[in-house]
């Protein structure tokens, strides 16, 4: 039960981070100088568009974000599966 709750918190944090990097972030939760004074973490989100601005990949920012989310979520699933397998082996 605790493992499931912990994983839900981790997945929620991961989802919030992925949402923040997208162009769909609409919340302004911290001041304009950035989160914890880090200017790269601006309150508007949309970091992928910021990262590809001025390159030939600019029109594909949403596609890059979607592919990045797929990769990050796939890696998180693989890590979760290995962690569960490792924990199940130690319990028996």
PDB file of N, CA and C in Angstrom:
ATOM      1  N   UNK A   1       0.825  -1.195   0.000  1.00  0.00           N
ATOM      2  CA  UNK A   1       0.000   0.000   0.000  1.00  0.00           C
ATOM      3  C   UNK A   1       0.872   1.263   0.000  1.00  0.00           C
ATOM      4  N   UNK A   2       1.918   1.256   0.816  1.00  0.00           N
ATOM      5  CA  UNK A   2       2.808   2.413   0.885  1.00  0.00           C
ATOM      6  C   UNK A   2       3.565   2.569  -0.426  1.00  0.00           C
ATOM      7  N   UNK A   3       3.948   1.432  -1.009  1.00  0.00           N
ATOM      8  CA  UNK A   3       4.675   1.479  -2.281  1.00  0.00           C
ATOM      9  C   UNK A   3       3.796   2.101  -3.360  1.00  0.00           C
ATOM     10  N   UNK A   4       2.537   1.732  -3.386  1.00  0.00           N
ATOM     11  CA  UNK A   4       1.622   2.291  -4.387  1.00  0.00           C
ATOM     12  C   UNK A   4       1.434   3.791  -4.187  1.00  0.00           C
ATOM     13  N   UNK A   5       1.283   4.226  -2.947  1.00  0.00           N
ATOM     14  CA  UNK A   5       1.124   5.659  -2.663  1.00  0.00           C
ATOM     15  C   UNK A   5       2.383   6.431  -3.046  1.00  0.00           C
ATOM     16  N   UNK A   6       3.535   5.870  -2.741  1.00  0.00           N
ATOM     17  CA  UNK A   6       4.795   6.517  -3.105  1.00  0.00           C
ATOM     18  C   UNK A   6       4.932   6.634  -4.616  1.00  0.00           C
ATOM     19  N   UNK A   7       4.589   5.589  -5.326  1.00  0.00           N
ATOM     20  CA  UNK A   7       4.672   5.629  -6.786  1.00  0.00           C
ATOM     21  C   UNK A   7       3.678   6.624  -7.385  1.00  0.00           C
ATOM     22  N   UNK A   8       2.506   6.748  -6.773  1.00  0.00           N
ATOM     23  CA  UNK A   8       1.545   7.742  -7.254  1.00  0.00           C
ATOM     24  C   UNK A   8       2.075   9.159  -7.078  1.00  0.00           C
ATOM     25  N   UNK A   9       2.763   9.408  -5.971  1.00  0.00           N
ATOM     26  CA  UNK A   9       3.365  10.724  -5.747  1.00  0.00           C
ATOM     27  C   UNK A   9       4.463  10.985  -6.771  1.00  0.00           C
ATOM     28  N   UNK A  10       5.284   9.970  -7.040  1.00  0.00           N
ATOM     29  CA  UNK A  10       6.366  10.123  -8.017  1.00  0.00           C
ATOM     30  C   UNK A  10       5.793  10.369  -9.408  1.00  0.00           C
ATOM     31  N   UNK A  11       4.771   9.621  -9.786  1.00  0.00           N
ATOM     32  CA  UNK A  11       4.156   9.803 -11.103  1.00  0.00           C
ATOM     33  C   UNK A  11       3.485  11.171 -11.201  1.00  0.00           C
ATOM     34  N   UNK A  12       2.859  11.621 -10.122  1.00  0.00           N
ATOM     35  CA  UNK A  12       2.253  12.959 -10.115  1.00  0.00           C
ATOM     36  C   UNK A  12       3.292  14.049 -10.308  1.00  0.00           C
ATOM     37  N   UNK A  13       4.423  13.917  -9.628  1.00  0.00           N
ATOM     38  CA  UNK A  13       5.501  14.898  -9.788  1.00  0.00           C
ATOM     39  C   UNK A  13       6.070  14.864 -11.205  1.00  0.00           C
ATOM     40  N   UNK A  14       6.226  13.669 -11.759  1.00  0.00           N
ATOM     41  CA  UNK A  14       6.719  13.535 -13.127  1.00  0.00           C
ATOM     42  C   UNK A  14       5.738  14.146 -14.123  1.00  0.00           C
ATOM     43  N   UNK A  15       4.465  13.909 -13.917  1.00  0.00           N
ATOM     44  CA  UNK A  15       3.446  14.494 -14.799  1.00  0.00           C
ATOM     45  C   UNK A  15       3.443  16.013 -14.708  1.00  0.00           C
ATOM     46  N   UNK A  16       3.593  16.553 -13.500  1.00  0.00           N
ATOM     47  CA  UNK A  16       3.646  18.008 -13.342  1.00  0.00           C
ATOM     48  C   UNK A  16       4.868  18.586 -14.044  1.00  0.00           C
ATOM     49  N   UNK A  17       6.005  17.907 -13.945  1.00  0.00           N
ATOM     50  CA  UNK A  17       7.218  18.379 -14.618  1.00  0.00           C
ATOM     51  C   UNK A  17       7.054  18.341 -16.132  1.00  0.00           C
ATOM     52  N   UNK A  18       6.449  17.288 -16.646  1.00  0.00           N
ATOM     53  CA  UNK A  18       6.224  17.207 -18.094  1.00  0.00           C
ATOM     54  C   UNK A  18       5.218  18.255 -18.550  1.00  0.00           C
ATOM     55  N   UNK A  19       4.191  18.485 -17.758  1.00  0.00           N
ATOM     56  CA  UNK A  19       3.206  19.514 -18.088  1.00  0.00           C
ATOM     57  C   UNK A  19       3.847  20.896 -18.077  1.00  0.00           C
ATOM     58  N   UNK A  20       4.761  21.134 -17.134  1.00  0.00           N
ATOM     59  CA  UNK A  20       5.446  22.424 -17.044  1.00  0.00           C
ATOM     60  C   UNK A  20       6.293  22.700 -18.280  1.00  0.00           C
ATOM     61  N   UNK A  21       6.918  21.664 -18.837  1.00  0.00           N
ATOM     62  CA  UNK A  21       7.751  21.876 -20.022  1.00  0.00           C
ATOM     63  C   UNK A  21       6.930  22.073 -21.287  1.00  0.00           C
ATOM     64  N   UNK A  22       5.643  21.801 -21.235  1.00  0.00           N
ATOM     65  CA  UNK A  22       4.804  21.914 -22.429  1.00  0.00           C
ATOM     66  C   UNK A  22       4.300  23.337 -22.638  1.00  0.00           C
ATOM     67  N   UNK A  23       3.681  23.529 -23.772  1.00  0.00           N
ATOM     68  CA  UNK A  23       3.101  24.837 -24.078  1.00  0.00           C
ATOM     69  C   UNK A  23       1.734  25.005 -23.422  1.00  0.00           C
ATOM     70  N   UNK A  24       1.241  23.988 -22.741  1.00  0.00           N
ATOM     71  CA  UNK A  24      -0.082  24.033 -22.131  1.00  0.00           C
ATOM     72  C   UNK A  24      -0.058  24.525 -20.686  1.00  0.00           C
ATOM     73  N   UNK A  25       1.110  24.827 -20.152  1.00  0.00           N
ATOM     74  CA  UNK A  25       1.234  25.330 -18.778  1.00  0.00           C
ATOM     75  C   UNK A  25       0.658  26.734 -18.730  1.00  0.00           C
ATOM     76  N   UNK A  26      -0.295  26.959 -17.864  1.00  0.00           N
ATOM     77  CA  UNK A  26      -0.944  28.271 -17.779  1.00  0.00           C
ATOM     78  C   UNK A  26      -0.821  28.898 -16.392  1.00  0.00           C
ATOM     79  N   UNK A  27      -0.273  28.173 -15.421  1.00  0.00           N
ATOM     80  CA  UNK A  27      -0.168  28.684 -14.065  1.00  0.00           C
ATOM     81  C   UNK A  27       1.075  29.547 -13.902  1.00  0.00           C
ATOM     82  N   UNK A  28       0.979  30.555 -13.085  1.00  0.00           N
ATOM     83  CA  UNK A  28       2.132  31.377 -12.755  1.00  0.00           C
ATOM     84  C   UNK A  28       2.302  31.311 -11.242  1.00  0.00           C
ATOM     85  N   UNK A  29       3.063  30.321 -10.791  1.00  0.00           N
ATOM     86  CA  UNK A  29       3.148  30.019  -9.366  1.00  0.00           C
ATOM     87  C   UNK A  29       4.313  30.690  -8.652  1.00  0.00           C
ATOM     88  N   UNK A  30       5.271  31.240  -9.395  1.00  0.00           N
ATOM     89  CA  UNK A  30       6.418  31.869  -8.762  1.00  0.00           C
ATOM     90  C   UNK A  30       6.762  33.153  -9.500  1.00  0.00           C
ATOM     91  N   UNK A  31       7.634  33.982  -8.919  1.00  0.00           N
ATOM     92  CA  UNK A  31       7.924  35.292  -9.518  1.00  0.00           C
ATOM     93  C   UNK A  31       8.634  35.184 -10.870  1.00  0.00           C
ATOM     94  N   UNK A  32       8.698  36.305 -11.560  1.00  0.00           N
ATOM     95  CA  UNK A  32       9.251  36.337 -12.915  1.00  0.00           C
ATOM     96  C   UNK A  32      10.738  36.023 -12.975  1.00  0.00           C
ATOM     97  N   UNK A  33      11.469  36.164 -11.870  1.00  0.00           N
ATOM     98  CA  UNK A  33      12.906  35.885 -11.920  1.00  0.00           C
ATOM     99  C   UNK A  33      13.199  34.389 -11.890  1.00  0.00           C
ATOM    100  N   UNK A  34      12.190  33.552 -11.850  1.00  0.00           N
ATOM    101  CA  UNK A  34      12.375  32.115 -11.941  1.00  0.00           C
ATOM    102  C   UNK A  34      12.231  31.416 -10.607  1.00  0.00           C
ATOM    103  N   UNK A  35      12.004  30.137 -10.670  1.00  0.00           N
ATOM    104  CA  UNK A  35      11.852  29.314  -9.475  1.00  0.00           C
ATOM    105  C   UNK A  35      13.188  29.219  -8.757  1.00  0.00           C
ATOM    106  N   UNK A  36      13.199  29.578  -7.484  1.00  0.00           N
ATOM    107  CA  UNK A  36      14.409  29.560  -6.647  1.00  0.00           C
ATOM    108  C   UNK A  36      15.527  30.420  -7.235  1.00  0.00           C
ATOM    109  N   UNK A  37      15.151  31.451  -7.981  1.00  0.00           N
ATOM    110  CA  UNK A  37      16.135  32.352  -8.567  1.00  0.00           C
ATOM    111  C   UNK A  37      16.791  31.819  -9.831  1.00  0.00           C
ATOM    112  N   UNK A  38      16.332  30.685 -10.336  1.00  0.00           N
ATOM    113  CA  UNK A  38      16.889  30.098 -11.560  1.00  0.00           C
ATOM    114  C   UNK A  38      16.110  30.667 -12.743  1.00  0.00           C
ATOM    115  N   UNK A  39      16.758  31.496 -13.534  1.00  0.00           N
ATOM    116  CA  UNK A  39      16.064  32.187 -14.626  1.00  0.00           C
ATOM    117  C   UNK A  39      15.546  31.230 -15.694  1.00  0.00           C
ATOM    118  N   UNK A  40      16.163  30.053 -15.831  1.00  0.00           N
ATOM    119  CA  UNK A  40      15.718  29.092 -16.834  1.00  0.00           C
ATOM    120  C   UNK A  40      14.362  28.485 -16.479  1.00  0.00           C
ATOM    121  N   UNK A  41      13.962  28.541 -15.216  1.00  0.00           N
ATOM    122  CA  UNK A  41      12.673  28.005 -14.786  1.00  0.00           C
ATOM    123  C   UNK A  41      11.668  29.132 -14.644  1.00  0.00           C
ATOM    124  N   UNK A  42      11.299  29.687 -15.759  1.00  0.00           N
ATOM    125  CA  UNK A  42      10.382  30.823 -15.767  1.00  0.00           C
ATOM    126  C   UNK A  42       8.960  30.376 -15.439  1.00  0.00           C
ATOM    127  N   UNK A  43       8.131  31.253 -14.946  1.00  0.00           N
ATOM    128  CA  UNK A  43       6.794  30.852 -14.506  1.00  0.00           C
ATOM    129  C   UNK A  43       5.842  30.511 -15.646  1.00  0.00           C
ATOM    130  N   UNK A  44       6.152  30.893 -16.864  1.00  0.00           N
ATOM    131  CA  UNK A  44       5.243  30.628 -17.978  1.00  0.00           C
ATOM    132  C   UNK A  44       5.324  29.204 -18.496  1.00  0.00           C
ATOM    133  N   UNK A  45       6.317  28.418 -18.090  1.00  0.00           N
ATOM    134  CA  UNK A  45       6.478  27.084 -18.634  1.00  0.00           C
ATOM    135  C   UNK A  45       6.945  27.155 -20.080  1.00  0.00           C
ATOM    136  N   UNK A  46       6.452  26.260 -20.931  1.00  0.00           N
ATOM    137  CA  UNK A  46       6.766  26.233 -22.362  1.00  0.00           C
ATOM    138  C   UNK A  46       8.278  26.183 -22.600  1.00  0.00           C
ATOM    139  N   UNK A  47       8.975  25.350 -21.849  1.00  0.00           N
ATOM    140  CA  UNK A  47      10.432  25.284 -21.953  1.00  0.00           C
ATOM    141  C   UNK A  47      10.906  24.689 -23.264  1.00  0.00           C
ATOM    142  N   UNK A  48      10.157  23.738 -23.816  1.00  0.00           N
ATOM    143  CA  UNK A  48      10.589  23.114 -25.073  1.00  0.00           C
ATOM    144  C   UNK A  48      10.656  24.159 -26.184  1.00  0.00           C
ATOM    145  N   UNK A  49       9.653  25.014 -26.269  1.00  0.00           N
ATOM    146  CA  UNK A  49       9.679  26.074 -27.285  1.00  0.00           C
ATOM    147  C   UNK A  49      10.850  27.026 -27.061  1.00  0.00           C
ATOM    148  N   UNK A  50      11.153  27.281 -25.812  1.00  0.00           N
ATOM    149  CA  UNK A  50      12.292  28.143 -25.485  1.00  0.00           C
ATOM    150  C   UNK A  50      13.610  27.491 -25.911  1.00  0.00           C
ATOM    151  N   UNK A  51      13.724  26.179 -25.687  1.00  0.00           N
ATOM    152  CA  UNK A  51      14.953  25.463 -26.022  1.00  0.00           C
ATOM    153  C   UNK A  51      15.196  25.368 -27.527  1.00  0.00           C
ATOM    154  N   UNK A  52      14.124  25.251 -28.310  1.00  0.00           N
ATOM    155  CA  UNK A  52      14.304  25.093 -29.765  1.00  0.00           C
ATOM    156  C   UNK A  52      14.153  26.405 -30.530  1.00  0.00           C
ATOM    157  N   UNK A  53      13.893  27.498 -29.833  1.00  0.00           N
ATOM    158  CA  UNK A  53      13.732  28.799 -30.491  1.00  0.00           C
ATOM    159  C   UNK A  53      15.011  29.161 -31.240  1.00  0.00           C
ATOM    160  N   UNK A  54      14.852  29.603 -32.459  1.00  0.00           N
ATOM    161  CA  UNK A  54      15.989  30.008 -33.277  1.00  0.00           C
ATOM    162  C   UNK A  54      16.631  28.863 -34.045  1.00  0.00           C
ATOM    163  N   UNK A  55      16.067  27.668 -33.941  1.00  0.00           N
ATOM    164  CA  UNK A  55      16.594  26.528 -34.683  1.00  0.00           C
ATOM    165  C   UNK A  55      15.585  26.120 -35.754  1.00  0.00           C
ATOM    166  N   UNK A  56      15.978  25.159 -36.560  1.00  0.00           N
ATOM    167  CA  UNK A  56      15.056  24.671 -37.589  1.00  0.00           C
ATOM    168  C   UNK A  56      13.978  23.771 -36.999  1.00  0.00           C
ATOM    169  N   UNK A  57      14.114  23.386 -35.732  1.00  0.00           N
ATOM    170  CA  UNK A  57      13.138  22.514 -35.077  1.00  0.00           C
ATOM    171  C   UNK A  57      11.988  23.286 -34.442  1.00  0.00           C
ATOM    172  N   UNK A  58      11.976  24.592 -34.557  1.00  0.00           N
ATOM    173  CA  UNK A  58      10.951  25.415 -33.913  1.00  0.00           C
ATOM    174  C   UNK A  58       9.524  25.001 -34.279  1.00  0.00           C
ATOM    175  N   UNK A  59       9.205  24.707 -35.538  1.00  0.00           N
ATOM    176  CA  UNK A  59       7.822  24.309 -35.847  1.00  0.00           C
ATOM    177  C   UNK A  59       7.430  22.967 -35.238  1.00  0.00           C
ATOM    178  N   UNK A  60       8.408  22.193 -34.803  1.00  0.00           N
ATOM    179  CA  UNK A  60       8.137  20.851 -34.300  1.00  0.00           C
ATOM    180  C   UNK A  60       8.231  20.762 -32.777  1.00  0.00           C
ATOM    181  N   UNK A  61       8.094  21.872 -32.082  1.00  0.00           N
ATOM    182  CA  UNK A  61       8.254  21.892 -30.624  1.00  0.00           C
ATOM    183  C   UNK A  61       7.251  20.973 -29.938  1.00  0.00           C
ATOM    184  N   UNK A  62       6.006  20.973 -30.390  1.00  0.00           N
ATOM    185  CA  UNK A  62       5.000  20.115 -29.765  1.00  0.00           C
ATOM    186  C   UNK A  62       5.304  18.643 -30.013  1.00  0.00           C
ATOM    187  N   UNK A  63       5.741  18.309 -31.208  1.00  0.00           N
ATOM    188  CA  UNK A  63       6.113  16.930 -31.518  1.00  0.00           C
ATOM    189  C   UNK A  63       7.324  16.490 -30.692  1.00  0.00           C
ATOM    190  N   UNK A  64       8.290  17.368 -30.544  1.00  0.00           N
ATOM    191  CA  UNK A  64       9.468  17.065 -29.721  1.00  0.00           C
ATOM    192  C   UNK A  64       9.046  16.847 -28.278  1.00  0.00           C
ATOM    193  N   UNK A  65       8.137  17.684 -27.781  1.00  0.00           N
ATOM    194  CA  UNK A  65       7.651  17.515 -26.416  1.00  0.00           C
ATOM    195  C   UNK A  65       6.930  16.182 -26.255  1.00  0.00           C
ATOM    196  N   UNK A  66       6.070  15.827 -27.208  1.00  0.00           N
ATOM    197  CA  UNK A  66       5.317  14.571 -27.124  1.00  0.00           C
ATOM    198  C   UNK A  66       6.251  13.360 -27.156  1.00  0.00           C
ATOM    199  N   UNK A  67       7.238  13.386 -28.029  1.00  0.00           N
ATOM    200  CA  UNK A  67       8.195  12.282 -28.085  1.00  0.00           C
ATOM    201  C   UNK A  67       9.031  12.207 -26.808  1.00  0.00           C
ATOM    202  N   UNK A  68       9.404  13.354 -26.284  1.00  0.00           N
ATOM    203  CA  UNK A  68      10.143  13.379 -25.025  1.00  0.00           C
ATOM    204  C   UNK A  68       9.322  12.811 -23.881  1.00  0.00           C
ATOM    205  N   UNK A  69       8.038  13.164 -23.828  1.00  0.00           N
ATOM    206  CA  UNK A  69       7.155  12.610 -22.797  1.00  0.00           C
ATOM    207  C   UNK A  69       7.053  11.098 -22.932  1.00  0.00           C
ATOM    208  N   UNK A  70       6.928  10.615 -24.152  1.00  0.00           N
ATOM    209  CA  UNK A  70       6.847   9.169 -24.383  1.00  0.00           C
ATOM    210  C   UNK A  70       8.104   8.477 -23.882  1.00  0.00           C
ATOM    211  N   UNK A  71       9.261   9.037 -24.173  1.00  0.00           N
ATOM    212  CA  UNK A  71      10.523   8.436 -23.738  1.00  0.00           C
ATOM    213  C   UNK A  71      10.647   8.467 -22.217  1.00  0.00           C
ATOM    214  N   UNK A  72      10.336   9.601 -21.621  1.00  0.00           N
ATOM    215  CA  UNK A  72      10.449   9.731 -20.158  1.00  0.00           C
ATOM    216  C   UNK A  72       9.486   8.780 -19.456  1.00  0.00           C
ATOM    217  N   UNK A  73       8.254   8.698 -19.922  1.00  0.00           N
ATOM    218  CA  UNK A  73       7.286   7.806 -19.293  1.00  0.00           C
ATOM    219  C   UNK A  73       7.644   6.337 -19.514  1.00  0.00           C
ATOM    220  N   UNK A  74       8.197   6.010 -20.683  1.00  0.00           N
ATOM    221  CA  UNK A  74       8.641   4.630 -20.935  1.00  0.00           C
ATOM    222  C   UNK A  74       9.793   4.254 -20.008  1.00  0.00           C
ATOM    223  N   UNK A  75      10.744   5.155 -19.828  1.00  0.00           N
ATOM    224  CA  UNK A  75      11.851   4.891 -18.906  1.00  0.00           C
ATOM    225  C   UNK A  75      11.362   4.774 -17.467  1.00  0.00           C
ATOM    226  N   UNK A  76      10.423   5.610 -17.081  1.00  0.00           N
ATOM    227  CA  UNK A  76       9.869   5.536 -15.729  1.00  0.00           C
ATOM    228  C   UNK A  76       9.159   4.206 -15.508  1.00  0.00           C
ATOM    229  N   UNK A  77       8.451   3.723 -16.521  1.00  0.00           N
ATOM    230  CA  UNK A  77       7.784   2.418 -16.412  1.00  0.00           C
ATOM    231  C   UNK A  77       8.802   1.294 -16.282  1.00  0.00           C
ATOM    232  N   UNK A  78       9.877   1.369 -17.050  1.00  0.00           N
ATOM    233  CA  UNK A  78      10.920   0.343 -16.975  1.00  0.00           C
ATOM    234  C   UNK A  78      11.589   0.343 -15.603  1.00  0.00           C
ATOM    235  N   UNK A  79      11.868   1.514 -15.066  1.00  0.00           N
ATOM    236  CA  UNK A  79      12.469   1.614 -13.730  1.00  0.00           C
ATOM    237  C   UNK A  79      11.502   1.081 -12.679  1.00  0.00           C
ATOM    238  N   UNK A  80      10.233   1.417 -12.808  1.00  0.00           N
ATOM    239  CA  UNK A  80       9.229   0.925 -11.861  1.00  0.00           C
ATOM    240  C   UNK A  80       9.128  -0.591 -11.895  1.00  0.00           C
ATOM    241  N   UNK A  81       9.102  -1.161 -13.094  1.00  0.00           N
ATOM    242  CA  UNK A  81       9.017  -2.614 -13.217  1.00  0.00           C
ATOM    243  C   UNK A  81      10.225  -3.294 -12.585  1.00  0.00           C
ATOM    244  N   UNK A  82      11.412  -2.770 -12.830  1.00  0.00           N
ATOM    245  CA  UNK A  82      12.612  -3.358 -12.232  1.00  0.00           C
ATOM    246  C   UNK A  82      12.615  -3.203 -10.720  1.00  0.00           C
ATOM    247  N   UNK A  83      12.158  -2.069 -10.240  1.00  0.00           N
ATOM    248  CA  UNK A  83      12.098  -1.845  -8.802  1.00  0.00           C
ATOM    249  C   UNK A  83      11.117  -2.812  -8.147  1.00  0.00           C
ATOM    250  N   UNK A  84       9.957  -2.986  -8.746  1.00  0.00           N
ATOM    251  CA  UNK A  84       8.973  -3.930  -8.201  1.00  0.00           C
ATOM    252  C   UNK A  84       9.504  -5.353  -8.225  1.00  0.00           C
ATOM    253  N   UNK A  85      10.169  -5.737  -9.297  1.00  0.00           N
ATOM    254  CA  UNK A  85      10.743  -7.078  -9.398  1.00  0.00           C
ATOM    255  C   UNK A  85      11.804  -7.277  -8.322  1.00  0.00           C
ATOM    256  N   UNK A  86      12.637  -6.273  -8.107  1.00  0.00           N
ATOM    257  CA  UNK A  86      13.688  -6.362  -7.106  1.00  0.00           C
ATOM    258  C   UNK A  86      13.089  -6.430  -5.701  1.00  0.00           C
ATOM    259  N   UNK A  87      12.053  -5.641  -5.432  1.00  0.00           N
ATOM    260  CA  UNK A  87      11.419  -5.668  -4.116  1.00  0.00           C
ATOM    261  C   UNK A  87      10.683  -6.974  -3.867  1.00  0.00           C
ATOM    262  N   UNK A  88      10.076  -7.542  -4.913  1.00  0.00           N
ATOM    263  CA  UNK A  88       9.380  -8.822  -4.763  1.00  0.00           C
ATOM    264  C   UNK A  88      10.361  -9.953  -4.463  1.00  0.00           C
ATOM    265  N   UNK A  89      11.549  -9.893  -5.020  1.00  0.00           N
ATOM    266  CA  UNK A  89      12.551 -10.918  -4.763  1.00  0.00           C
ATOM    267  C   UNK A  89      13.051 -10.854  -3.316  1.00  0.00           C
ATOM    268  N   UNK A  90      13.154  -9.640  -2.769  1.00  0.00           N
ATOM    269  CA  UNK A  90      13.653  -9.513  -1.407  1.00  0.00           C
ATOM    270  C   UNK A  90      12.613  -9.899  -0.366  1.00  0.00           C
ATOM    271  N   UNK A  91      11.326  -9.835  -0.714  1.00  0.00           N
ATOM    272  CA  UNK A  91      10.271 -10.186   0.226  1.00  0.00           C
ATOM    273  C   UNK A  91      10.141 -11.682   0.403  1.00  0.00           C
ATOM    274  N   UNK A  92      10.499 -12.458  -0.600  1.00  0.00           N
ATOM    275  CA  UNK A  92      10.344 -13.913  -0.500  1.00  0.00           C
ATOM    276  C   UNK A  92      11.578 -14.591   0.016  1.00  0.00           C
TER     277      UNK A  92
END
